Amino acid sequence: MILAAEQLQHGDYVVLVGYFILMLGIGAYFYRYMRGIGDYFSGGNRIPWWLSGVSFYMSSFSAFTFVAYSELAYKHGFVAVTLYWVTAPAVLIGALLLSWRWRRARIVSPVEYLESRFSLGIRQTFAWTNVPVRIIDDGLRLLAIGYFVSRGLGLPLEKSIFWSGVIILVYTFMGGLWAVTVTDFLQFIVMMAGIVLLVPLSLARVGGFSGLVSGSPKGFFCWTDTEHPWSYVLVFFLLILLMYNTNFALVQRYYCVRDERDARRVGLLVAGLNVLGPPIFFLPAMAARQFLPDADPAKIYGAICVTLLPVGTLGLIIAAMFSATMSALSSDYNVVASVLTNDVYRRLIDRNASERRLVLVGRAMTLLIGVIALGVAMFIAVYKGEGTLFRKMVKLFSVAGPPMAIPMLAGLLWRRCSNIGALSGFLCGVIVGLTAFTFGAAENIITLATIGTTLVIMVVASLVFPAGPAERVRNRDFADRLDNPVETPDTLDHLHGVPSPFKVVGISTALVGVLVLLVLPYVEDKIAFVTDLGVGLVLIVIGGVMYMFHILRSTARENKL
């Protein structure tokens, strides 16, 4: 392929280094605005819905998605798209049924409401249980980006994981949720600029879409296959439905916006993006089955990129993979730190801690979580278990996800759910899940076992042991909170004192476009030159439009004042 860079060259390193400096700069920029725990962990409930929605979307996947699902697409075909598409109805249900409830809960961390709804014991149990699950998941995500970077940069896997983890941790540590969401939006634009280019390049390698279809194995474009029948897809949907609507980092995007109407918009935007994205993301891996027939499936996305992309754009796509993982991990680090800070430190250790101290503790917790996740990733890299990354992820959440998710959702939806019922369902679900996992049960069996056990035990225990007088008072107070809409701040004034996201994102996007143009002196091939020029100019135009919108908003605000 005449466009292919085949390996990173000087121009790619210009893009990579410049991009990482820009990410760190955004974190440093927002550092001074993090004056309290609400600013650091929930953006002061002032984050615009479109910014929170894109951040939700970016936080829901990472390089793990591209590595794990692309491995699935390379080996099994269209079933990878089918499995990812189940996220769309899962998010849609959450948008219509749960988003406004999360916003009306008026919380700083996702498990904070459990004390006012159930008890301090439930709050602490869920806080401590979810932390190791999130850390292991983050370790798997770091392992995935390590695979990609190792293939793209030619570094040993352990070094790739280490330096990836350090870069992600540093910028997350500084800027809190505002930095996370703003960089998420920038990363979304960068990611799409790089990935969309792969689709025509990969199709050209196999003779267009007709060549892709005719040259693929039989059944490659079926919705399901023998390993992933409709029964597997249905069970996987149930798991995603629970996880997407109780995942700490994703729920955080519902309650960081100004009101429940914006919370609903967040979910609707994500549902739409989850319909459009999967075919674009995984089609190159399906095509690679023909032009890279002997590639390692676990590293297929990196192999595609170094085979097809030109100088500069190859650096951009590696930055995009970093972006996706940065987004998911920074969100997880921030929200898990919020649990440890708000639900453990402030609730159990120092109830009168100042806002300044809580921000310092939050940053320390962020650092701690990031370091432990990095250690988990290094451990998994050295002592690999059997199975693909996709199946490891599904098994992990099959065991731990439903027992926690079902009581959390019941607290929002079923007023008769009692403290004893929630705790009993959680404990029995975890025990059944661990038992099934120990005996080597398949992930769909583990999922059904944990869902069924948790749900039945929770309902039965709640009916047999209903809430006592004190708990009924808490339930009534919490129900009143959910019945009371959040007051909507003035459209122009609700961001007062916070830097405009349009300004920051606009300038940053334009700077990424400039970085791509800086590599043009390194590009010798004319087609590659035109490709890089087009990508750079498009990014500059997008950034300019967003900055002009910032100017218009600022003018409107000044006229109003």
Protein backbone atom coordinates (compact mmCIF):
# COMPACT_ATOMS: atom_id res chain seq x y z
CA MET A 1 0.00 0.00 0.00
CA ILE A 2 1.60 3.26 -1.12
CA LEU A 3 0.18 5.18 1.83
CA ALA A 4 1.52 2.90 4.52
CA ALA A 5 4.07 4.18 6.99
CA GLU A 6 4.84 0.55 8.05
CA GLN A 7 6.48 1.84 11.23
CA LEU A 8 6.56 5.01 13.24
CA GLN A 9 8.73 7.73 11.74
CA HIS A 10 9.84 11.16 12.96
CA GLY A 11 6.56 12.78 11.93
CA ASP A 12 4.56 10.29 13.98
CA TYR A 13 6.61 11.04 17.06
CA VAL A 14 5.99 14.78 16.53
CA VAL A 15 2.24 14.11 16.67
CA LEU A 16 2.49 11.77 19.65
CA VAL A 17 4.72 13.95 21.81
CA GLY A 18 2.78 17.11 20.96
CA TYR A 19 -0.53 15.40 21.69
CA PHE A 20 0.56 14.16 25.10
CA ILE A 21 1.91 17.59 26.01
CA LEU A 22 -1.47 19.03 25.05
CA MET A 23 -3.31 16.52 27.27
CA LEU A 24 -1.11 17.37 30.23
CA GLY A 25 -1.60 21.06 29.50
CA ILE A 26 -5.39 20.69 29.71
CA GLY A 27 -5.05 18.96 33.08
CA ALA A 28 -2.80 21.76 34.33
CA TYR A 29 -5.21 24.40 32.98
CA PHE A 30 -8.12 23.07 35.04
CA TYR A 31 -5.99 22.48 38.14
CA ARG A 32 -6.69 25.93 39.58
CA TYR A 33 -10.46 25.63 39.16
CA MET A 34 -10.77 22.55 41.42
CA ARG A 35 -11.65 24.41 44.62
CA GLY A 36 -13.93 21.83 46.22
CA ILE A 37 -14.91 18.17 46.17
CA GLY A 38 -17.98 18.96 44.05
CA ASP A 39 -15.80 20.63 41.41
CA TYR A 40 -13.27 17.81 41.36
CA PHE A 41 -15.70 14.87 41.26
CA SER A 42 -18.93 16.19 39.71
CA GLY A 43 -17.91 19.36 37.88
CA GLY A 44 -20.08 21.43 40.20
CA ASN A 45 -23.08 20.01 38.27
CA ARG A 46 -22.29 22.56 35.55
CA ILE A 47 -20.95 20.37 32.74
CA PRO A 48 -22.94 20.84 29.47
CA TRP A 49 -24.96 17.82 28.36
CA TRP A 50 -23.21 17.45 24.99
CA LEU A 51 -19.82 17.42 26.72
CA SER A 52 -21.00 14.94 29.32
CA GLY A 53 -22.59 12.76 26.61
CA VAL A 54 -19.43 12.49 24.55
CA SER A 55 -17.49 11.87 27.75
CA PHE A 56 -19.95 9.06 28.64
CA TYR A 57 -19.43 7.59 25.19
CA MET A 58 -15.64 7.80 25.40
CA SER A 59 -15.61 6.48 28.97
CA SER A 60 -17.61 3.39 27.97
CA PHE A 61 -14.77 1.97 25.91
CA SER A 62 -11.03 2.24 25.42
CA ALA A 63 -8.23 0.64 23.47
CA PHE A 64 -9.60 -2.45 25.24
CA THR A 65 -12.67 -2.14 23.02
CA PHE A 66 -10.64 -1.89 19.85
CA VAL A 67 -8.30 -4.69 20.87
CA ALA A 68 -10.89 -7.09 22.33
CA TYR A 69 -13.75 -6.46 19.89
CA SER A 70 -11.39 -6.24 16.90
CA GLU A 71 -9.95 -9.60 17.92
CA LEU A 72 -13.53 -10.88 17.94
CA ALA A 73 -14.28 -9.27 14.54
CA TYR A 74 -11.08 -10.68 13.01
CA LYS A 75 -11.91 -14.20 14.15
CA HIS A 76 -15.71 -14.28 14.01
CA GLY A 77 -16.84 -11.37 11.81
CA PHE A 78 -20.00 -9.27 12.17
CA VAL A 79 -20.92 -10.83 15.53
CA ALA A 80 -18.57 -8.26 17.10
CA VAL A 81 -20.84 -5.48 15.81
CA THR A 82 -23.91 -7.34 17.07
CA LEU A 83 -22.47 -7.65 20.56
CA TYR A 84 -21.54 -3.99 20.70
CA TRP A 85 -24.89 -2.86 19.34
CA VAL A 86 -26.64 -4.21 22.45
CA THR A 87 -25.22 -1.17 24.27
CA ALA A 88 -27.57 1.14 22.32
CA PRO A 89 -30.89 -0.17 23.76
CA ALA A 90 -29.22 -0.56 27.15
CA VAL A 91 -28.31 3.14 27.22
CA LEU A 92 -31.68 4.14 25.76
CA ILE A 93 -33.50 2.40 28.61
CA GLY A 94 -31.23 4.14 31.09
CA ALA A 95 -31.80 7.52 29.44
CA LEU A 96 -35.58 7.23 29.64
CA LEU A 97 -35.97 5.45 32.96
CA LEU A 98 -32.93 6.18 35.14
CA SER A 99 -30.99 9.26 34.01
CA TRP A 100 -33.28 11.80 35.68
CA ARG A 101 -33.39 9.74 38.87
CA TRP A 102 -29.60 9.77 39.12
CA ARG A 103 -29.61 13.54 38.66
CA ARG A 104 -32.34 14.13 41.23
CA ALA A 105 -30.41 12.01 43.73
CA ARG A 106 -28.10 15.07 44.10
CA ILE A 107 -24.92 13.16 44.87
CA VAL A 108 -21.13 13.56 44.63
CA SER A 109 -20.30 9.84 44.26
CA PRO A 110 -22.46 7.02 42.84
CA VAL A 111 -22.80 5.09 46.11
CA GLU A 112 -23.49 8.15 48.26
CA TYR A 113 -27.25 7.76 47.87
CA LEU A 114 -27.16 4.21 49.29
CA GLU A 115 -26.84 5.48 52.87
CA SER A 116 -29.86 7.76 52.61
CA ARG A 117 -31.83 5.04 50.80
CA PHE A 118 -30.65 1.96 52.72
CA SER A 119 -27.94 2.26 55.38
CA LEU A 120 -24.33 3.15 56.08
CA GLY A 121 -23.48 -0.57 55.93
CA ILE A 122 -24.77 -0.90 52.36
CA ARG A 123 -22.93 2.25 51.34
CA GLN A 124 -19.62 1.00 52.71
CA THR A 125 -20.08 -2.56 51.42
CA PHE A 126 -20.69 -1.38 47.88
CA ALA A 127 -17.94 1.21 48.06
CA TRP A 128 -15.29 -1.29 49.12
CA THR A 129 -16.53 -4.09 46.85
CA ASN A 130 -16.59 -2.05 43.67
CA VAL A 131 -13.11 -0.61 44.06
CA PRO A 132 -11.16 -3.85 43.39
CA VAL A 133 -13.49 -4.72 40.48
CA ARG A 134 -12.84 -1.34 38.86
CA ILE A 135 -9.10 -1.67 39.45
CA ILE A 136 -8.97 -5.09 37.76
CA ASP A 137 -11.00 -3.72 34.84
CA ASP A 138 -8.61 -0.79 34.58
CA GLY A 139 -5.71 -3.22 34.57
CA LEU A 140 -7.25 -5.04 31.60
CA ARG A 141 -7.66 -1.71 29.79
CA LEU A 142 -4.01 -0.84 30.40
CA LEU A 143 -3.04 -4.29 29.11
CA ALA A 144 -5.01 -3.59 25.94
CA ILE A 145 -3.32 -0.25 25.28
CA GLY A 146 -0.02 -1.98 26.04
CA TYR A 147 -0.70 -4.46 23.23
CA PHE A 148 -1.45 -1.64 20.83
CA VAL A 149 1.50 0.56 21.78
CA SER A 150 3.84 -2.41 21.80
CA ARG A 151 2.91 -3.20 18.19
CA GLY A 152 2.91 0.43 17.05
CA LEU A 153 6.12 1.61 18.75
CA GLY A 154 8.00 -1.67 18.77
CA LEU A 155 8.49 -1.54 22.56
CA PRO A 156 8.35 -4.48 24.99
CA LEU A 157 4.84 -5.03 26.34
CA GLU A 158 5.79 -4.24 29.96
CA LYS A 159 7.37 -0.89 29.03
CA SER A 160 4.37 0.00 26.87
CA ILE A 161 1.99 -0.66 29.76
CA PHE A 162 4.13 1.27 32.25
CA TRP A 163 4.55 4.47 30.25
CA SER A 164 0.93 4.41 29.08
CA GLY A 165 -0.23 4.16 32.67
CA VAL A 166 2.03 6.98 33.84
CA ILE A 167 0.88 9.41 31.13
CA ILE A 168 -2.81 8.72 31.80
CA LEU A 169 -2.41 9.03 35.56
CA VAL A 170 -0.56 12.35 35.54
CA TYR A 171 -3.15 14.36 33.61
CA THR A 172 -6.07 12.76 35.47
CA PHE A 173 -4.44 13.63 38.79
CA MET A 174 -4.44 17.35 38.07
CA GLY A 175 -7.72 18.49 36.53
CA GLY A 176 -10.61 16.51 38.02
CA LEU A 177 -13.85 15.83 36.13
CA TRP A 178 -13.71 19.05 34.08
CA ALA A 179 -10.33 18.04 32.65
CA VAL A 180 -11.64 14.51 32.06
CA THR A 181 -14.71 15.63 30.11
CA VAL A 182 -12.94 18.31 28.07
CA THR A 183 -10.13 15.95 27.08
CA ASP A 184 -12.75 13.29 26.33
CA PHE A 185 -14.34 15.55 23.74
CA LEU A 186 -11.00 16.37 22.16
CA GLN A 187 -10.09 12.70 22.18
CA PHE A 188 -13.40 11.85 20.49
CA ILE A 189 -12.59 14.20 17.59
CA VAL A 190 -9.03 12.91 17.29
CA MET A 191 -10.16 9.29 17.48
CA MET A 192 -12.80 9.70 14.78
CA ALA A 193 -10.35 11.57 12.50
CA GLY A 194 -7.95 8.65 12.66
CA ILE A 195 -10.38 5.73 12.63
CA VAL A 196 -12.67 6.91 9.83
CA LEU A 197 -9.63 6.99 7.56
CA LEU A 198 -9.01 3.28 8.17
CA VAL A 199 -12.33 2.21 6.63
CA PRO A 200 -11.66 3.22 2.98
CA LEU A 201 -8.01 2.17 3.25
CA SER A 202 -8.89 -1.31 4.51
CA LEU A 203 -11.68 -1.74 1.93
CA ALA A 204 -9.27 -0.73 -0.84
CA ARG A 205 -6.98 -3.58 0.22
CA VAL A 206 -9.71 -6.19 -0.35
CA GLY A 207 -11.30 -4.79 -3.51
CA GLY A 208 -14.11 -2.77 -1.94
CA PHE A 209 -17.10 -3.96 0.03
CA SER A 210 -17.97 -6.59 -2.58
CA GLY A 211 -14.46 -8.00 -2.28
CA LEU A 212 -14.78 -8.03 1.51
CA VAL A 213 -17.98 -10.05 1.32
CA SER A 214 -16.83 -12.48 -1.37
CA GLY A 215 -13.42 -13.08 0.22
CA SER A 216 -14.62 -13.65 3.76
CA PRO A 217 -15.34 -17.06 5.29
CA LYS A 218 -18.85 -18.49 5.18
CA GLY A 219 -21.06 -16.99 7.87
CA PHE A 220 -18.65 -14.09 8.47
CA PHE A 221 -21.46 -11.54 8.08
CA CYS A 222 -24.07 -13.36 10.13
CA TRP A 223 -25.40 -11.59 13.20
CA THR A 224 -24.40 -14.52 15.42
CA ASP A 225 -22.26 -17.65 15.20
CA THR A 226 -21.91 -20.98 16.98
CA GLU A 227 -19.83 -19.50 19.83
CA HIS A 228 -22.12 -16.47 20.20
CA PRO A 229 -25.72 -17.57 19.49
CA TRP A 230 -28.74 -15.36 20.15
CA SER A 231 -28.99 -16.80 23.67
CA TYR A 232 -25.46 -15.50 24.35
CA VAL A 233 -26.35 -12.10 22.86
CA LEU A 234 -29.46 -11.85 25.05
CA VAL A 235 -27.58 -12.70 28.24
CA PHE A 236 -24.82 -10.29 27.26
CA PHE A 237 -27.48 -7.59 26.78
CA LEU A 238 -28.78 -8.18 30.31
CA LEU A 239 -25.25 -7.78 31.65
CA ILE A 240 -24.66 -4.58 29.65
CA LEU A 241 -28.05 -3.21 30.72
CA LEU A 242 -27.06 -3.57 34.36
CA MET A 243 -23.48 -2.39 33.97
CA TYR A 244 -24.10 0.66 31.78
CA ASN A 245 -26.74 1.99 34.16
CA THR A 246 -24.80 1.47 37.40
CA ASN A 247 -21.17 1.76 36.27
CA PHE A 248 -19.70 4.44 38.52
CA ALA A 249 -17.94 6.38 35.76
CA LEU A 250 -20.99 6.35 33.47
CA VAL A 251 -23.54 7.21 36.15
CA GLN A 252 -21.30 10.15 37.06
CA ARG A 253 -22.09 11.65 33.64
CA TYR A 254 -25.79 11.78 34.50
CA TYR A 255 -25.44 13.69 37.74
CA CYS A 256 -22.69 16.12 36.68
CA VAL A 257 -25.05 18.07 34.38
CA ARG A 258 -27.35 20.89 35.45
CA ASP A 259 -30.77 19.13 35.49
CA GLU A 260 -32.66 15.96 34.60
CA ARG A 261 -33.53 17.15 31.09
CA ASP A 262 -29.83 17.40 30.31
CA ALA A 263 -29.26 14.01 31.97
CA ARG A 264 -31.78 12.47 29.56
CA ARG A 265 -30.07 14.16 26.62
CA VAL A 266 -26.78 12.61 27.70
CA GLY A 267 -28.23 9.11 27.41
CA LEU A 268 -29.97 9.74 24.10
CA LEU A 269 -26.75 11.09 22.56
CA VAL A 270 -24.79 8.06 23.72
CA ALA A 271 -27.42 5.64 22.39
CA GLY A 272 -27.17 7.25 18.96
CA LEU A 273 -23.37 7.15 18.94
CA ASN A 274 -23.45 3.47 19.94
CA VAL A 275 -25.53 2.70 16.84
CA LEU A 276 -23.23 4.55 14.42
CA GLY A 277 -19.85 3.63 15.85
CA PRO A 278 -19.44 -0.20 15.81
CA PRO A 279 -19.53 -0.78 12.01
CA ILE A 280 -16.89 1.94 11.52
CA PHE A 281 -14.71 0.66 14.35
CA PHE A 282 -14.67 -3.06 13.49
CA LEU A 283 -14.92 -3.19 9.69
CA PRO A 284 -11.11 -2.78 9.28
CA ALA A 285 -10.52 -5.82 11.49
CA MET A 286 -12.98 -7.85 9.42
CA ALA A 287 -11.18 -6.84 6.23
CA ALA A 288 -7.78 -7.63 7.77
CA ARG A 289 -8.79 -11.29 7.81
CA GLN A 290 -7.91 -11.20 4.09
CA PHE A 291 -4.88 -8.90 3.81
CA LEU A 292 -3.28 -9.89 7.17
CA PRO A 293 -4.26 -13.58 7.37
CA ASP A 294 -1.42 -14.62 9.70
CA ALA A 295 -1.60 -11.72 12.19
CA ASP A 296 -1.95 -12.17 15.95
CA PRO A 297 -5.70 -11.56 16.61
CA ALA A 298 -4.95 -9.91 19.97
CA LYS A 299 -2.80 -7.29 18.22
CA ILE A 300 -4.73 -6.96 14.97
CA TYR A 301 -5.71 -3.29 15.29
CA GLY A 302 -2.13 -2.20 15.76
CA ALA A 303 -1.07 -4.34 12.80
CA ILE A 304 -3.76 -2.73 10.61
CA CYS A 305 -2.63 0.76 11.53
CA VAL A 306 1.07 0.27 10.84
CA THR A 307 0.18 -1.48 7.57
CA LEU A 308 -2.21 1.11 6.15
CA LEU A 309 -1.73 4.56 7.64
CA PRO A 310 0.64 7.25 6.34
CA VAL A 311 3.25 9.15 8.34
CA GLY A 312 1.63 11.51 10.84
CA THR A 313 -1.75 9.83 10.67
CA LEU A 314 -0.20 6.68 12.14
CA GLY A 315 0.95 8.78 15.07
CA LEU A 316 -2.54 10.26 15.26
CA ILE A 317 -4.25 6.86 15.43
CA ILE A 318 -1.90 5.71 18.19
CA ALA A 319 -2.75 8.95 19.99
CA ALA A 320 -6.41 8.10 19.38
CA MET A 321 -5.99 4.70 21.03
CA PHE A 322 -4.33 6.46 23.92
CA SER A 323 -7.27 8.85 23.86
CA ALA A 324 -9.88 6.14 24.18
CA THR A 325 -7.99 4.50 27.03
CA MET A 326 -7.18 7.83 28.67
CA SER A 327 -10.87 8.63 28.64
CA ALA A 328 -12.01 5.36 30.18
CA LEU A 329 -9.22 5.17 32.76
CA SER A 330 -9.29 8.83 33.75
CA SER A 331 -13.04 8.53 34.32
CA ASP A 332 -12.59 5.40 36.40
CA TYR A 333 -9.73 6.88 38.42
CA ASN A 334 -11.77 9.99 39.12
CA VAL A 335 -14.99 8.23 40.11
CA VAL A 336 -13.31 5.51 42.22
CA ALA A 337 -11.31 8.23 43.97
CA SER A 338 -14.63 10.02 44.61
CA VAL A 339 -15.93 6.89 46.36
CA LEU A 340 -12.84 6.54 48.53
CA THR A 341 -12.79 10.26 49.32
CA ASN A 342 -16.49 10.95 49.83
CA ASP A 343 -17.80 7.59 51.02
CA VAL A 344 -14.82 6.39 53.04
CA TYR A 345 -12.57 9.27 54.10
CA ARG A 346 -15.17 11.99 54.67
CA ARG A 347 -17.85 9.64 56.00
CA LEU A 348 -15.67 7.52 58.33
CA ILE A 349 -12.44 9.41 59.03
CA ASP A 350 -12.91 13.18 58.87
CA ARG A 351 -16.53 14.32 58.60
CA ASN A 352 -15.52 17.96 59.06
CA ALA A 353 -12.76 18.00 56.45
CA SER A 354 -12.45 21.26 54.53
CA GLU A 355 -13.05 21.39 50.79
CA ARG A 356 -9.35 22.03 50.24
CA ARG A 357 -8.38 18.94 52.22
CA LEU A 358 -10.95 16.81 50.39
CA VAL A 359 -9.50 17.84 47.02
CA LEU A 360 -6.02 16.92 48.28
CA VAL A 361 -7.31 13.56 49.50
CA GLY A 362 -9.10 13.07 46.18
CA ARG A 363 -5.87 13.61 44.27
CA ALA A 364 -4.03 11.22 46.58
CA MET A 365 -6.73 8.58 46.04
CA THR A 366 -6.51 9.12 42.28
CA LEU A 367 -2.77 8.49 42.44
CA LEU A 368 -3.26 5.39 44.56
CA ILE A 369 -5.88 3.88 42.24
CA GLY A 370 -3.76 4.57 39.16
CA VAL A 371 -0.66 2.97 40.63
CA ILE A 372 -2.53 -0.17 41.73
CA ALA A 373 -4.23 -0.52 38.33
CA LEU A 374 -0.82 -0.23 36.68
CA GLY A 375 0.46 -3.01 38.91
CA VAL A 376 -2.51 -5.22 38.00
CA ALA A 377 -1.85 -4.68 34.29
CA MET A 378 1.82 -5.58 34.70
CA PHE A 379 0.87 -8.73 36.64
CA ILE A 380 -1.62 -9.85 33.98
CA ALA A 381 0.97 -9.20 31.25
CA VAL A 382 3.50 -11.46 32.97
CA TYR A 383 1.08 -14.16 34.17
CA LYS A 384 -1.48 -14.35 31.37
CA GLY A 385 -4.59 -16.39 31.87
CA GLU A 386 -6.37 -18.34 29.16
CA GLY A 387 -9.01 -16.83 26.93
CA THR A 388 -9.39 -13.65 24.95
CA LEU A 389 -9.54 -10.21 26.49
CA PHE A 390 -13.23 -10.03 25.59
CA ARG A 391 -14.09 -13.17 27.53
CA LYS A 392 -11.94 -12.11 30.50
CA MET A 393 -13.88 -8.86 30.67
CA VAL A 394 -17.26 -10.59 30.42
CA LYS A 395 -16.40 -13.12 33.14
CA LEU A 396 -15.15 -10.40 35.48
CA PHE A 397 -18.38 -8.42 35.23
CA SER A 398 -20.58 -11.52 35.23
CA VAL A 399 -19.34 -12.34 38.72
CA ALA A 400 -19.25 -8.86 40.27
CA GLY A 401 -21.63 -6.75 38.18
CA PRO A 402 -25.21 -8.03 38.69
CA PRO A 403 -25.01 -8.53 42.49
CA MET A 404 -24.12 -4.85 42.88
CA ALA A 405 -26.15 -3.39 40.01
CA ILE A 406 -29.51 -4.95 40.85
CA PRO A 407 -29.75 -3.56 44.43
CA MET A 408 -28.50 -0.15 43.22
CA LEU A 409 -31.25 0.00 40.60
CA ALA A 410 -33.84 -1.36 43.02
CA GLY A 411 -33.04 1.50 45.37
CA LEU A 412 -34.06 3.92 42.63
CA LEU A 413 -37.03 2.00 41.19
CA TRP A 414 -38.63 -0.19 43.90
CA ARG A 415 -39.59 1.54 47.12
CA ARG A 416 -40.33 -1.70 48.98
CA CYS A 417 -36.75 -2.91 48.61
CA SER A 418 -35.35 -3.10 52.15
CA ASN A 419 -31.86 -2.86 53.54
CA ILE A 420 -31.84 -6.58 54.44
CA GLY A 421 -33.16 -7.47 50.99
CA ALA A 422 -30.49 -5.46 49.17
CA LEU A 423 -27.64 -6.82 51.30
CA SER A 424 -28.89 -10.44 51.14
CA GLY A 425 -29.30 -10.33 47.37
CA PHE A 426 -25.83 -8.85 46.94
CA LEU A 427 -24.06 -11.38 49.17
CA CYS A 428 -25.86 -14.42 47.73
CA GLY A 429 -25.28 -13.23 44.17
CA VAL A 430 -21.55 -12.80 44.76
CA ILE A 431 -21.23 -16.21 46.40
CA VAL A 432 -23.05 -17.93 43.52
CA GLY A 433 -20.96 -16.03 40.96
CA LEU A 434 -17.65 -16.92 42.60
CA THR A 435 -18.73 -20.55 42.91
CA ALA A 436 -19.67 -20.75 39.24
CA PHE A 437 -16.42 -19.02 38.27
CA THR A 438 -14.36 -21.44 40.41
CA PHE A 439 -15.94 -24.44 38.69
CA GLY A 440 -15.18 -22.97 35.24
CA ALA A 441 -18.71 -22.09 34.15
CA ALA A 442 -19.16 -20.14 30.93
CA GLU A 443 -19.70 -16.40 31.21
CA ASN A 444 -23.37 -16.54 30.15
CA ILE A 445 -24.07 -19.17 32.82
CA ILE A 446 -22.35 -17.02 35.46
CA THR A 447 -24.37 -13.98 34.36
CA LEU A 448 -27.72 -15.79 34.54
CA ALA A 449 -26.83 -17.36 37.88
CA THR A 450 -25.84 -14.08 39.51
CA ILE A 451 -28.79 -12.13 38.06
CA GLY A 452 -31.33 -14.78 39.07
CA THR A 453 -29.92 -15.32 42.54
CA THR A 454 -29.55 -11.64 43.37
CA LEU A 455 -33.02 -10.72 42.10
CA VAL A 456 -34.90 -13.60 43.78
CA ILE A 457 -33.14 -13.32 47.14
CA MET A 458 -33.51 -9.52 47.17
CA VAL A 459 -37.25 -9.63 46.46
CA VAL A 460 -38.00 -12.46 48.89
CA ALA A 461 -35.91 -10.97 51.70
CA SER A 462 -37.45 -7.53 51.19
CA LEU A 463 -40.96 -8.98 51.50
CA VAL A 464 -40.12 -11.20 54.47
CA PHE A 465 -38.02 -8.56 56.25
CA PRO A 466 -39.55 -5.19 55.29
CA ALA A 467 -38.06 -1.86 56.26
CA GLY A 468 -38.31 -0.85 59.91
CA PRO A 469 -39.56 2.53 61.16
CA ALA A 470 -36.24 4.36 60.84
CA GLU A 471 -35.59 2.89 57.41
CA ARG A 472 -39.09 3.85 56.24
CA VAL A 473 -38.35 7.44 57.19
CA ARG A 474 -35.17 7.36 55.10
CA ASN A 475 -37.07 5.79 52.19
CA ARG A 476 -39.71 8.50 52.35
CA ASP A 477 -37.12 11.29 52.47
CA PHE A 478 -35.27 9.79 49.52
CA ALA A 479 -38.50 9.35 47.57
CA ASP A 480 -39.28 13.02 48.18
CA ARG A 481 -35.86 13.89 46.76
CA LEU A 482 -36.59 11.90 43.59
CA ASP A 483 -40.01 13.55 43.28
CA ASN A 484 -38.48 17.03 43.52
CA PRO A 485 -37.06 18.31 40.19
CA VAL A 486 -33.64 19.93 40.17
CA GLU A 487 -33.79 23.68 39.73
CA THR A 488 -32.39 24.67 36.34
CA PRO A 489 -29.78 27.45 36.54
CA ASP A 490 -29.76 30.31 34.06
CA THR A 491 -28.57 29.12 30.64
CA LEU A 492 -25.77 31.67 30.38
CA ASP A 493 -24.86 32.07 34.02
CA HIS A 494 -24.60 28.44 35.10
CA LEU A 495 -20.99 28.27 33.83
CA HIS A 496 -19.96 31.49 35.60
CA GLY A 497 -16.45 31.13 37.00
CA VAL A 498 -15.70 28.01 34.93
CA PRO A 499 -13.70 28.23 31.70
CA SER A 500 -15.83 27.79 28.59
CA PRO A 501 -15.50 24.25 27.21
CA PHE A 502 -15.94 25.63 23.68
CA LYS A 503 -12.84 27.78 24.10
CA VAL A 504 -10.63 25.05 25.52
CA VAL A 505 -11.83 22.32 23.16
CA GLY A 506 -11.70 24.61 20.14
CA ILE A 507 -8.12 25.73 20.74
CA SER A 508 -6.98 22.20 21.57
CA THR A 509 -8.59 20.69 18.47
CA ALA A 510 -6.99 23.32 16.26
CA LEU A 511 -3.60 22.63 17.87
CA VAL A 512 -3.92 18.92 17.07
CA GLY A 513 -4.60 19.93 13.45
CA VAL A 514 -1.44 22.05 13.51
CA LEU A 515 0.51 19.05 14.84
CA VAL A 516 -0.64 16.97 11.86
CA LEU A 517 0.42 19.73 9.47
CA LEU A 518 3.85 19.89 11.13
CA VAL A 519 4.61 16.37 9.88
CA LEU A 520 4.14 17.31 6.22
CA PRO A 521 7.89 17.97 5.68
CA TYR A 522 8.50 14.33 6.61
CA VAL A 523 5.99 13.00 4.04
CA GLU A 524 7.38 12.13 0.61
CA ASP A 525 4.46 10.33 -1.03
CA LYS A 526 1.90 12.68 -2.66
CA ILE A 527 -1.17 10.67 -1.64
CA ALA A 528 0.02 10.52 1.94
CA PHE A 529 0.77 14.26 1.82
CA VAL A 530 -2.79 15.07 0.68
CA THR A 531 -4.25 12.71 3.30
CA ASP A 532 -2.38 14.33 6.18
CA LEU A 533 -3.11 17.81 4.84
CA GLY A 534 -6.84 17.07 4.72
CA VAL A 535 -6.94 15.65 8.26
CA GLY A 536 -4.99 18.61 9.65
CA LEU A 537 -7.15 21.23 7.93
CA VAL A 538 -10.40 19.54 9.02
CA LEU A 539 -9.27 19.56 12.66
CA ILE A 540 -8.28 23.25 12.42
CA VAL A 541 -11.68 24.15 10.94
CA ILE A 542 -13.55 22.22 13.66
CA GLY A 543 -11.48 23.94 16.33
CA GLY A 544 -12.07 27.35 14.75
CA VAL A 545 -15.84 26.85 14.62
CA MET A 546 -15.96 25.87 18.30
CA TYR A 547 -13.84 28.87 19.29
CA MET A 548 -16.12 31.23 17.33
CA PHE A 549 -19.10 29.73 19.15
CA HIS A 550 -17.30 30.56 22.41
CA ILE A 551 -16.91 34.18 21.25
CA LEU A 552 -20.64 34.40 20.45
CA ARG A 553 -21.60 32.99 23.86
CA SER A 554 -19.23 35.36 25.64
CA THR A 555 -20.69 38.32 23.76
CA ALA A 556 -24.22 37.25 24.67
CA ARG A 557 -23.23 36.95 28.33
CA GLU A 558 -21.63 40.40 28.36
CA ASN A 559 -24.69 41.95 26.72
CA LYS A 560 -26.92 40.35 29.30
CA LEU A 561 -24.81 41.66 32.17
